[in-house]
Amino acid sequence: GVMFVDGVNMMLVFPFVPFLVRSTLRLSLEDPNTPLMSGLMGAAFLLGQFFASPVYGPLSDRRGRRPVLLSCMAVSTAFLLAFGLAESYWFAMACRFLQ
């Protein structure tokens, strides 16, 4: 179940990222930077997971998998909400990374 939720969490925002990028960076519809900035925002989530995995793996071995998974899901939900409410590109990028 957790792997399904994590996958949905990663892919849920992709249809909306170009609109968020254009509105926060005030780019036109034809601006060539939109795909690049959208891709960087998508990569931020995976980069955050890359750096967090070595921390949360041993932590879940010590504290138990269930409490760590539940706390990670709660934190991820909070950052997803903050990402959705972000008014600046860099705040949205930070939320996506920390998610």
PDB file of N, CA and C in Angstrom:
ATOM      1  N   GLY A   1       0.791  -1.182   0.000  1.00  0.00           N
ATOM      2  CA  GLY A   1       0.000   0.000   0.000  1.00  0.00           C
ATOM      3  C   GLY A   1       0.847   1.266   0.000  1.00  0.00           C
ATOM      4  N   VAL A   2       1.938   1.254   0.791  1.00  0.00           N
ATOM      5  CA  VAL A   2       2.775   2.453   0.900  1.00  0.00           C
ATOM      6  C   VAL A   2       3.477   2.733  -0.426  1.00  0.00           C
ATOM      7  N   MET A   3       3.909   1.698  -1.114  1.00  0.00           N
ATOM      8  CA  MET A   3       4.578   1.886  -2.399  1.00  0.00           C
ATOM      9  C   MET A   3       3.614   2.475  -3.437  1.00  0.00           C
ATOM     10  N   PHE A   4       2.344   2.067  -3.382  1.00  0.00           N
ATOM     11  CA  PHE A   4       1.340   2.629  -4.285  1.00  0.00           C
ATOM     12  C   PHE A   4       1.145   4.118  -3.998  1.00  0.00           C
ATOM     13  N   VAL A   5       1.010   4.462  -2.713  1.00  0.00           N
ATOM     14  CA  VAL A   5       0.803   5.860  -2.323  1.00  0.00           C
ATOM     15  C   VAL A   5       2.012   6.704  -2.709  1.00  0.00           C
ATOM     16  N   ASP A   6       3.213   6.151  -2.529  1.00  0.00           N
ATOM     17  CA  ASP A   6       4.420   6.884  -2.898  1.00  0.00           C
ATOM     18  C   ASP A   6       4.475   7.121  -4.403  1.00  0.00           C
ATOM     19  N   GLY A   7       4.111   6.124  -5.180  1.00  0.00           N
ATOM     20  CA  GLY A   7       4.079   6.293  -6.628  1.00  0.00           C
ATOM     21  C   GLY A   7       3.055   7.319  -7.077  1.00  0.00           C
ATOM     22  N   VAL A   8       1.898   7.278  -6.470  1.00  0.00           N
ATOM     23  CA  VAL A   8       0.859   8.271  -6.789  1.00  0.00           C
ATOM     24  C   VAL A   8       1.332   9.661  -6.399  1.00  0.00           C
ATOM     25  N   ASN A   9       1.989   9.762  -5.238  1.00  0.00           N
ATOM     26  CA  ASN A   9       2.497  11.038  -4.747  1.00  0.00           C
ATOM     27  C   ASN A   9       3.512  11.625  -5.725  1.00  0.00           C
ATOM     28  N   MET A  10       4.339  10.775  -6.293  1.00  0.00           N
ATOM     29  CA  MET A  10       5.351  11.249  -7.225  1.00  0.00           C
ATOM     30  C   MET A  10       4.708  11.719  -8.531  1.00  0.00           C
ATOM     31  N   MET A  11       3.729  10.981  -9.034  1.00  0.00           N
ATOM     32  CA  MET A  11       3.174  11.261 -10.349  1.00  0.00           C
ATOM     33  C   MET A  11       1.971  12.204 -10.332  1.00  0.00           C
ATOM     34  N   LEU A  12       1.377  12.412  -9.189  1.00  0.00           N
ATOM     35  CA  LEU A  12       0.146  13.194  -9.087  1.00  0.00           C
ATOM     36  C   LEU A  12       0.305  14.620  -9.599  1.00  0.00           C
ATOM     37  N   VAL A  13       1.429  15.239  -9.347  1.00  0.00           N
ATOM     38  CA  VAL A  13       1.594  16.651  -9.670  1.00  0.00           C
ATOM     39  C   VAL A  13       2.090  16.910 -11.086  1.00  0.00           C
ATOM     40  N   PHE A  14       2.570  15.882 -11.797  1.00  0.00           N
ATOM     41  CA  PHE A  14       3.173  16.102 -13.102  1.00  0.00           C
ATOM     42  C   PHE A  14       2.288  16.853 -14.095  1.00  0.00           C
ATOM     43  N   PRO A  15       0.996  16.588 -14.188  1.00  0.00           N
ATOM     44  CA  PRO A  15       0.193  17.356 -15.155  1.00  0.00           C
ATOM     45  C   PRO A  15       0.104  18.851 -14.827  1.00  0.00           C
ATOM     46  N   PHE A  16       0.317  19.211 -13.561  1.00  0.00           N
ATOM     47  CA  PHE A  16       0.151  20.593 -13.141  1.00  0.00           C
ATOM     48  C   PHE A  16       1.460  21.380 -13.090  1.00  0.00           C
ATOM     49  N   VAL A  17       2.597  20.684 -13.143  1.00  0.00           N
ATOM     50  CA  VAL A  17       3.894  21.349 -12.986  1.00  0.00           C
ATOM     51  C   VAL A  17       4.148  22.419 -14.049  1.00  0.00           C
ATOM     52  N   PRO A  18       3.894  22.177 -15.333  1.00  0.00           N
ATOM     53  CA  PRO A  18       4.146  23.260 -16.305  1.00  0.00           C
ATOM     54  C   PRO A  18       3.328  24.522 -16.030  1.00  0.00           C
ATOM     55  N   PHE A  19       2.104  24.358 -15.564  1.00  0.00           N
ATOM     56  CA  PHE A  19       1.277  25.527 -15.247  1.00  0.00           C
ATOM     57  C   PHE A  19       1.840  26.273 -14.042  1.00  0.00           C
ATOM     58  N   LEU A  20       2.291  25.518 -13.040  1.00  0.00           N
ATOM     59  CA  LEU A  20       2.896  26.130 -11.852  1.00  0.00           C
ATOM     60  C   LEU A  20       4.175  26.868 -12.224  1.00  0.00           C
ATOM     61  N   VAL A  21       4.992  26.250 -13.060  1.00  0.00           N
ATOM     62  CA  VAL A  21       6.248  26.873 -13.481  1.00  0.00           C
ATOM     63  C   VAL A  21       5.972  28.164 -14.236  1.00  0.00           C
ATOM     64  N   ARG A  22       5.048  28.111 -15.185  1.00  0.00           N
ATOM     65  CA  ARG A  22       4.738  29.314 -15.961  1.00  0.00           C
ATOM     66  C   ARG A  22       4.178  30.424 -15.094  1.00  0.00           C
ATOM     67  N   SER A  23       3.330  30.084 -14.132  1.00  0.00           N
ATOM     68  CA  SER A  23       2.729  31.136 -13.314  1.00  0.00           C
ATOM     69  C   SER A  23       3.708  31.702 -12.290  1.00  0.00           C
ATOM     70  N   THR A  24       4.541  30.857 -11.684  1.00  0.00           N
ATOM     71  CA  THR A  24       5.458  31.370 -10.659  1.00  0.00           C
ATOM     72  C   THR A  24       6.648  32.097 -11.262  1.00  0.00           C
ATOM     73  N   LEU A  25       7.091  31.673 -12.429  1.00  0.00           N
ATOM     74  CA  LEU A  25       8.217  32.341 -13.085  1.00  0.00           C
ATOM     75  C   LEU A  25       7.765  33.368 -14.121  1.00  0.00           C
ATOM     76  N   ARG A  26       6.460  33.493 -14.282  1.00  0.00           N
ATOM     77  CA  ARG A  26       5.864  34.432 -15.230  1.00  0.00           C
ATOM     78  C   ARG A  26       6.426  34.234 -16.644  1.00  0.00           C
ATOM     79  N   LEU A  27       6.374  32.997 -17.104  1.00  0.00           N
ATOM     80  CA  LEU A  27       6.844  32.652 -18.438  1.00  0.00           C
ATOM     81  C   LEU A  27       5.666  32.610 -19.400  1.00  0.00           C
ATOM     82  N   SER A  28       5.946  32.893 -20.654  1.00  0.00           N
ATOM     83  CA  SER A  28       4.888  32.809 -21.660  1.00  0.00           C
ATOM     84  C   SER A  28       4.653  31.350 -22.030  1.00  0.00           C
ATOM     85  N   LEU A  29       3.584  31.125 -22.759  1.00  0.00           N
ATOM     86  CA  LEU A  29       3.216  29.770 -23.164  1.00  0.00           C
ATOM     87  C   LEU A  29       4.283  29.142 -24.059  1.00  0.00           C
ATOM     88  N   GLU A  30       4.948  29.935 -24.859  1.00  0.00           N
ATOM     89  CA  GLU A  30       5.939  29.426 -25.805  1.00  0.00           C
ATOM     90  C   GLU A  30       7.370  29.510 -25.281  1.00  0.00           C
ATOM     91  N   ASP A  31       7.569  29.923 -24.047  1.00  0.00           N
ATOM     92  CA  ASP A  31       8.925  30.088 -23.516  1.00  0.00           C
ATOM     93  C   ASP A  31       9.670  28.757 -23.509  1.00  0.00           C
ATOM     94  N   PRO A  32      10.881  28.710 -24.080  1.00  0.00           N
ATOM     95  CA  PRO A  32      11.627  27.450 -24.135  1.00  0.00           C
ATOM     96  C   PRO A  32      12.150  26.978 -22.782  1.00  0.00           C
ATOM     97  N   ASN A  33      12.112  27.813 -21.768  1.00  0.00           N
ATOM     98  CA  ASN A  33      12.592  27.414 -20.443  1.00  0.00           C
ATOM     99  C   ASN A  33      11.565  26.619 -19.647  1.00  0.00           C
ATOM    100  N   THR A  34      10.321  26.611 -20.078  1.00  0.00           N
ATOM    101  CA  THR A  34       9.276  25.910 -19.334  1.00  0.00           C
ATOM    102  C   THR A  34       9.559  24.418 -19.202  1.00  0.00           C
ATOM    103  N   PRO A  35       9.916  23.700 -20.267  1.00  0.00           N
ATOM    104  CA  PRO A  35      10.205  22.265 -20.091  1.00  0.00           C
ATOM    105  C   PRO A  35      11.402  22.001 -19.176  1.00  0.00           C
ATOM    106  N   LEU A  36      12.436  22.830 -19.283  1.00  0.00           N
ATOM    107  CA  LEU A  36      13.618  22.648 -18.434  1.00  0.00           C
ATOM    108  C   LEU A  36      13.268  22.841 -16.965  1.00  0.00           C
ATOM    109  N   MET A  37      12.589  23.937 -16.670  1.00  0.00           N
ATOM    110  CA  MET A  37      12.245  24.227 -15.272  1.00  0.00           C
ATOM    111  C   MET A  37      11.239  23.207 -14.734  1.00  0.00           C
ATOM    112  N   SER A  38      10.351  22.716 -15.565  1.00  0.00           N
ATOM    113  CA  SER A  38       9.408  21.673 -15.158  1.00  0.00           C
ATOM    114  C   SER A  38      10.141  20.373 -14.872  1.00  0.00           C
ATOM    115  N   GLY A  39      11.105  20.041 -15.715  1.00  0.00           N
ATOM    116  CA  GLY A  39      11.895  18.834 -15.496  1.00  0.00           C
ATOM    117  C   GLY A  39      12.712  18.897 -14.227  1.00  0.00           C
ATOM    118  N   LEU A  40      13.270  20.068 -13.936  1.00  0.00           N
ATOM    119  CA  LEU A  40      14.024  20.224 -12.691  1.00  0.00           C
ATOM    120  C   LEU A  40      13.122  20.050 -11.477  1.00  0.00           C
ATOM    121  N   MET A  41      11.899  20.554 -11.581  1.00  0.00           N
ATOM    122  CA  MET A  41      10.970  20.391 -10.473  1.00  0.00           C
ATOM    123  C   MET A  41      10.606  18.921 -10.289  1.00  0.00           C
ATOM    124  N   GLY A  42      10.421  18.208 -11.378  1.00  0.00           N
ATOM    125  CA  GLY A  42      10.141  16.778 -11.286  1.00  0.00           C
ATOM    126  C   GLY A  42      11.315  16.007 -10.716  1.00  0.00           C
ATOM    127  N   ALA A  43      12.525  16.411 -11.074  1.00  0.00           N
ATOM    128  CA  ALA A  43      13.722  15.736 -10.585  1.00  0.00           C
ATOM    129  C   ALA A  43      13.980  16.026  -9.110  1.00  0.00           C
ATOM    130  N   ALA A  44      13.486  17.135  -8.609  1.00  0.00           N
ATOM    131  CA  ALA A  44      13.730  17.494  -7.210  1.00  0.00           C
ATOM    132  C   ALA A  44      13.165  16.438  -6.265  1.00  0.00           C
ATOM    133  N   PHE A  45      12.006  15.892  -6.589  1.00  0.00           N
ATOM    134  CA  PHE A  45      11.397  14.860  -5.747  1.00  0.00           C
ATOM    135  C   PHE A  45      12.289  13.623  -5.677  1.00  0.00           C
ATOM    136  N   LEU A  46      12.774  13.182  -6.830  1.00  0.00           N
ATOM    137  CA  LEU A  46      13.619  11.990  -6.872  1.00  0.00           C
ATOM    138  C   LEU A  46      14.980  12.236  -6.232  1.00  0.00           C
ATOM    139  N   LEU A  47      15.497  13.431  -6.368  1.00  0.00           N
ATOM    140  CA  LEU A  47      16.756  13.769  -5.716  1.00  0.00           C
ATOM    141  C   LEU A  47      16.600  13.779  -4.194  1.00  0.00           C
ATOM    142  N   GLY A  48      15.472  14.295  -3.724  1.00  0.00           N
ATOM    143  CA  GLY A  48      15.188  14.260  -2.292  1.00  0.00           C
ATOM    144  C   GLY A  48      15.093  12.831  -1.772  1.00  0.00           C
ATOM    145  N   GLN A  49      14.470  11.954  -2.531  1.00  0.00           N
ATOM    146  CA  GLN A  49      14.396  10.542  -2.129  1.00  0.00           C
ATOM    147  C   GLN A  49      15.778   9.899  -2.122  1.00  0.00           C
ATOM    148  N   PHE A  50      16.608  10.272  -3.071  1.00  0.00           N
ATOM    149  CA  PHE A  50      17.958   9.732  -3.147  1.00  0.00           C
ATOM    150  C   PHE A  50      18.754  10.059  -1.882  1.00  0.00           C
ATOM    151  N   PHE A  51      18.635  11.297  -1.404  1.00  0.00           N
ATOM    152  CA  PHE A  51      19.379  11.697  -0.208  1.00  0.00           C
ATOM    153  C   PHE A  51      18.724  11.215   1.083  1.00  0.00           C
ATOM    154  N   ALA A  52      17.415  11.027   1.083  1.00  0.00           N
ATOM    155  CA  ALA A  52      16.712  10.618   2.303  1.00  0.00           C
ATOM    156  C   ALA A  52      16.775   9.115   2.549  1.00  0.00           C
ATOM    157  N   SER A  53      16.892   8.324   1.515  1.00  0.00           N
ATOM    158  CA  SER A  53      16.872   6.863   1.680  1.00  0.00           C
ATOM    159  C   SER A  53      17.946   6.341   2.626  1.00  0.00           C
ATOM    160  N   PRO A  54      19.187   6.791   2.528  1.00  0.00           N
ATOM    161  CA  PRO A  54      20.195   6.285   3.463  1.00  0.00           C
ATOM    162  C   PRO A  54      19.941   6.698   4.912  1.00  0.00           C
ATOM    163  N   VAL A  55      19.141   7.729   5.112  1.00  0.00           N
ATOM    164  CA  VAL A  55      18.818   8.168   6.473  1.00  0.00           C
ATOM    165  C   VAL A  55      17.649   7.366   7.027  1.00  0.00           C
ATOM    166  N   TYR A  56      16.590   7.247   6.229  1.00  0.00           N
ATOM    167  CA  TYR A  56      15.374   6.593   6.724  1.00  0.00           C
ATOM    168  C   TYR A  56      15.478   5.082   6.788  1.00  0.00           C
ATOM    169  N   GLY A  57      16.342   4.467   5.986  1.00  0.00           N
ATOM    170  CA  GLY A  57      16.522   3.020   6.050  1.00  0.00           C
ATOM    171  C   GLY A  57      17.033   2.562   7.406  1.00  0.00           C
ATOM    172  N   PRO A  58      18.186   3.042   7.861  1.00  0.00           N
ATOM    173  CA  PRO A  58      18.678   2.659   9.183  1.00  0.00           C
ATOM    174  C   PRO A  58      17.767   3.128  10.325  1.00  0.00           C
ATOM    175  N   LEU A  59      17.123   4.290  10.130  1.00  0.00           N
ATOM    176  CA  LEU A  59      16.202   4.766  11.160  1.00  0.00           C
ATOM    177  C   LEU A  59      15.031   3.813  11.325  1.00  0.00           C
ATOM    178  N   SER A  60      14.518   3.285  10.237  1.00  0.00           N
ATOM    179  CA  SER A  60      13.405   2.339  10.341  1.00  0.00           C
ATOM    180  C   SER A  60      13.866   1.000  10.917  1.00  0.00           C
ATOM    181  N   ASP A  61      15.138   0.647  10.736  1.00  0.00           N
ATOM    182  CA  ASP A  61      15.659  -0.561  11.377  1.00  0.00           C
ATOM    183  C   ASP A  61      15.714  -0.406  12.889  1.00  0.00           C
ATOM    184  N   ARG A  62      16.034   0.796  13.355  1.00  0.00           N
ATOM    185  CA  ARG A  62      16.128   1.036  14.804  1.00  0.00           C
ATOM    186  C   ARG A  62      14.778   1.301  15.461  1.00  0.00           C
ATOM    187  N   ARG A  63      13.942   2.112  14.819  1.00  0.00           N
ATOM    188  CA  ARG A  63      12.676   2.546  15.436  1.00  0.00           C
ATOM    189  C   ARG A  63      11.482   1.696  15.026  1.00  0.00           C
ATOM    190  N   GLY A  64      11.633   0.931  13.979  1.00  0.00           N
ATOM    191  CA  GLY A  64      10.514   0.150  13.457  1.00  0.00           C
ATOM    192  C   GLY A  64      10.009   0.743  12.158  1.00  0.00           C
ATOM    193  N   ARG A  65       9.610  -0.100  11.265  1.00  0.00           N
ATOM    194  CA  ARG A  65       9.195   0.361   9.937  1.00  0.00           C
ATOM    195  C   ARG A  65       7.872   1.124   9.973  1.00  0.00           C
ATOM    196  N   ARG A  66       6.924   0.637  10.744  1.00  0.00           N
ATOM    197  CA  ARG A  66       5.603   1.267  10.768  1.00  0.00           C
ATOM    198  C   ARG A  66       5.656   2.728  11.234  1.00  0.00           C
ATOM    199  N   PRO A  67       6.286   3.044  12.374  1.00  0.00           N
ATOM    200  CA  PRO A  67       6.306   4.457  12.786  1.00  0.00           C
ATOM    201  C   PRO A  67       7.040   5.364  11.792  1.00  0.00           C
ATOM    202  N   VAL A  68       8.110   4.864  11.210  1.00  0.00           N
ATOM    203  CA  VAL A  68       8.856   5.682  10.250  1.00  0.00           C
ATOM    204  C   VAL A  68       8.041   5.891   8.979  1.00  0.00           C
ATOM    205  N   LEU A  69       7.393   4.845   8.482  1.00  0.00           N
ATOM    206  CA  LEU A  69       6.560   4.991   7.284  1.00  0.00           C
ATOM    207  C   LEU A  69       5.394   5.946   7.519  1.00  0.00           C
ATOM    208  N   LEU A  70       4.751   5.822   8.673  1.00  0.00           N
ATOM    209  CA  LEU A  70       3.622   6.715   8.963  1.00  0.00           C
ATOM    210  C   LEU A  70       4.071   8.165   9.103  1.00  0.00           C
ATOM    211  N   SER A  71       5.204   8.387   9.763  1.00  0.00           N
ATOM    212  CA  SER A  71       5.678   9.767   9.904  1.00  0.00           C
ATOM    213  C   SER A  71       6.132  10.323   8.559  1.00  0.00           C
ATOM    214  N   CYS A  72       6.766   9.501   7.725  1.00  0.00           N
ATOM    215  CA  CYS A  72       7.173   9.961   6.391  1.00  0.00           C
ATOM    216  C   CYS A  72       5.963  10.304   5.530  1.00  0.00           C
ATOM    217  N   MET A  73       4.913   9.511   5.635  1.00  0.00           N
ATOM    218  CA  MET A  73       3.705   9.805   4.857  1.00  0.00           C
ATOM    219  C   MET A  73       3.049  11.101   5.330  1.00  0.00           C
ATOM    220  N   ALA A  74       3.066  11.346   6.649  1.00  0.00           N
ATOM    221  CA  ALA A  74       2.488  12.587   7.176  1.00  0.00           C
ATOM    222  C   ALA A  74       3.298  13.799   6.712  1.00  0.00           C
ATOM    223  N   VAL A  75       4.622  13.695   6.786  1.00  0.00           N
ATOM    224  CA  VAL A  75       5.484  14.803   6.345  1.00  0.00           C
ATOM    225  C   VAL A  75       5.329  15.020   4.844  1.00  0.00           C
ATOM    226  N   SER A  76       5.256  13.950   4.094  1.00  0.00           N
ATOM    227  CA  SER A  76       5.089  14.057   2.645  1.00  0.00           C
ATOM    228  C   SER A  76       3.768  14.738   2.294  1.00  0.00           C
ATOM    229  N   THR A  77       2.721  14.409   3.026  1.00  0.00           N
ATOM    230  CA  THR A  77       1.418  15.051   2.800  1.00  0.00           C
ATOM    231  C   THR A  77       1.486  16.536   3.094  1.00  0.00           C
ATOM    232  N   ALA A  78       2.167  16.907   4.174  1.00  0.00           N
ATOM    233  CA  ALA A  78       2.286  18.322   4.538  1.00  0.00           C
ATOM    234  C   ALA A  78       3.051  19.094   3.463  1.00  0.00           C
ATOM    235  N   PHE A  79       4.147  18.516   2.965  1.00  0.00           N
ATOM    236  CA  PHE A  79       4.915  19.207   1.929  1.00  0.00           C
ATOM    237  C   PHE A  79       4.190  19.219   0.590  1.00  0.00           C
ATOM    238  N   LEU A  80       3.378  18.212   0.310  1.00  0.00           N
ATOM    239  CA  LEU A  80       2.574  18.235  -0.912  1.00  0.00           C
ATOM    240  C   LEU A  80       1.550  19.368  -0.847  1.00  0.00           C
ATOM    241  N   LEU A  81       0.944  19.553   0.312  1.00  0.00           N
ATOM    242  CA  LEU A  81       0.001  20.660   0.489  1.00  0.00           C
ATOM    243  C   LEU A  81       0.712  22.002   0.339  1.00  0.00           C
ATOM    244  N   ALA A  82       1.887  22.129   0.967  1.00  0.00           N
ATOM    245  CA  ALA A  82       2.653  23.374   0.839  1.00  0.00           C
ATOM    246  C   ALA A  82       3.074  23.608  -0.610  1.00  0.00           C
ATOM    247  N   PHE A  83       3.436  22.540  -1.319  1.00  0.00           N
ATOM    248  CA  PHE A  83       3.791  22.642  -2.735  1.00  0.00           C
ATOM    249  C   PHE A  83       2.613  23.179  -3.547  1.00  0.00           C
ATOM    250  N   GLY A  84       1.432  22.664  -3.264  1.00  0.00           N
ATOM    251  CA  GLY A  84       0.244  23.112  -3.980  1.00  0.00           C
ATOM    252  C   GLY A  84      -0.108  24.561  -3.725  1.00  0.00           C
ATOM    253  N   LEU A  85       0.255  25.066  -2.558  1.00  0.00           N
ATOM    254  CA  LEU A  85      -0.047  26.453  -2.202  1.00  0.00           C
ATOM    255  C   LEU A  85       1.106  27.410  -2.480  1.00  0.00           C
ATOM    256  N   ALA A  86       2.206  26.898  -2.999  1.00  0.00           N
ATOM    257  CA  ALA A  86       3.400  27.717  -3.220  1.00  0.00           C
ATOM    258  C   ALA A  86       3.138  28.823  -4.226  1.00  0.00           C
ATOM    259  N   GLU A  87       3.671  29.993  -3.915  1.00  0.00           N
ATOM    260  CA  GLU A  87       3.538  31.130  -4.815  1.00  0.00           C
ATOM    261  C   GLU A  87       4.863  31.496  -5.477  1.00  0.00           C
ATOM    262  N   SER A  88       5.943  30.820  -5.092  1.00  0.00           N
ATOM    263  CA  SER A  88       7.227  31.069  -5.739  1.00  0.00           C
ATOM    264  C   SER A  88       7.800  29.748  -6.240  1.00  0.00           C
ATOM    265  N   TYR A  89       8.537  29.834  -7.315  1.00  0.00           N
ATOM    266  CA  TYR A  89       9.116  28.633  -7.919  1.00  0.00           C
ATOM    267  C   TYR A  89      10.075  27.950  -6.952  1.00  0.00           C
ATOM    268  N   TRP A  90      10.918  28.726  -6.295  1.00  0.00           N
ATOM    269  CA  TRP A  90      11.944  28.131  -5.439  1.00  0.00           C
ATOM    270  C   TRP A  90      11.347  27.529  -4.177  1.00  0.00           C
ATOM    271  N   PHE A  91      10.270  28.103  -3.652  1.00  0.00           N
ATOM    272  CA  PHE A  91       9.588  27.483  -2.514  1.00  0.00           C
ATOM    273  C   PHE A  91       8.937  26.174  -2.938  1.00  0.00           C
ATOM    274  N   ALA A  92       8.341  26.168  -4.124  1.00  0.00           N
ATOM    275  CA  ALA A  92       7.742  24.933  -4.646  1.00  0.00           C
ATOM    276  C   ALA A  92       8.816  23.877  -4.868  1.00  0.00           C
ATOM    277  N   MET A  93       9.971  24.303  -5.372  1.00  0.00           N
ATOM    278  CA  MET A  93      11.075  23.372  -5.597  1.00  0.00           C
ATOM    279  C   MET A  93      11.558  22.789  -4.269  1.00  0.00           C
ATOM    280  N   ALA A  94      11.683  23.620  -3.242  1.00  0.00           N
ATOM    281  CA  ALA A  94      12.107  23.133  -1.921  1.00  0.00           C
ATOM    282  C   ALA A  94      11.084  22.170  -1.335  1.00  0.00           C
ATOM    283  N   CYS A  95       9.807  22.482  -1.482  1.00  0.00           N
ATOM    284  CA  CYS A  95       8.760  21.595  -0.977  1.00  0.00           C
ATOM    285  C   CYS A  95       8.800  20.247  -1.696  1.00  0.00           C
ATOM    286  N   ARG A  96       9.014  20.291  -2.978  1.00  0.00           N
ATOM    287  CA  ARG A  96       9.070  19.050  -3.758  1.00  0.00           C
ATOM    288  C   ARG A  96      10.287  18.216  -3.356  1.00  0.00           C
ATOM    289  N   PHE A  97      11.417  18.870  -3.106  1.00  0.00           N
ATOM    290  CA  PHE A  97      12.617  18.173  -2.669  1.00  0.00           C
ATOM    291  C   PHE A  97      12.411  17.536  -1.286  1.00  0.00           C
ATOM    292  N   LEU A  98      11.807  18.280  -0.379  1.00  0.00           N
ATOM    293  CA  LEU A  98      11.612  17.799   0.996  1.00  0.00           C
ATOM    294  C   LEU A  98      10.450  16.830   1.121  1.00  0.00           C
ATOM    295  N   GLN A  99       9.639  16.768   0.122  1.00  0.00           N
ATOM    296  CA  GLN A  99       8.491  15.890   0.153  1.00  0.00           C
ATOM    297  C   GLN A  99       8.941  14.450   0.176  1.00  0.00           C
TER     298      GLN A  99
END
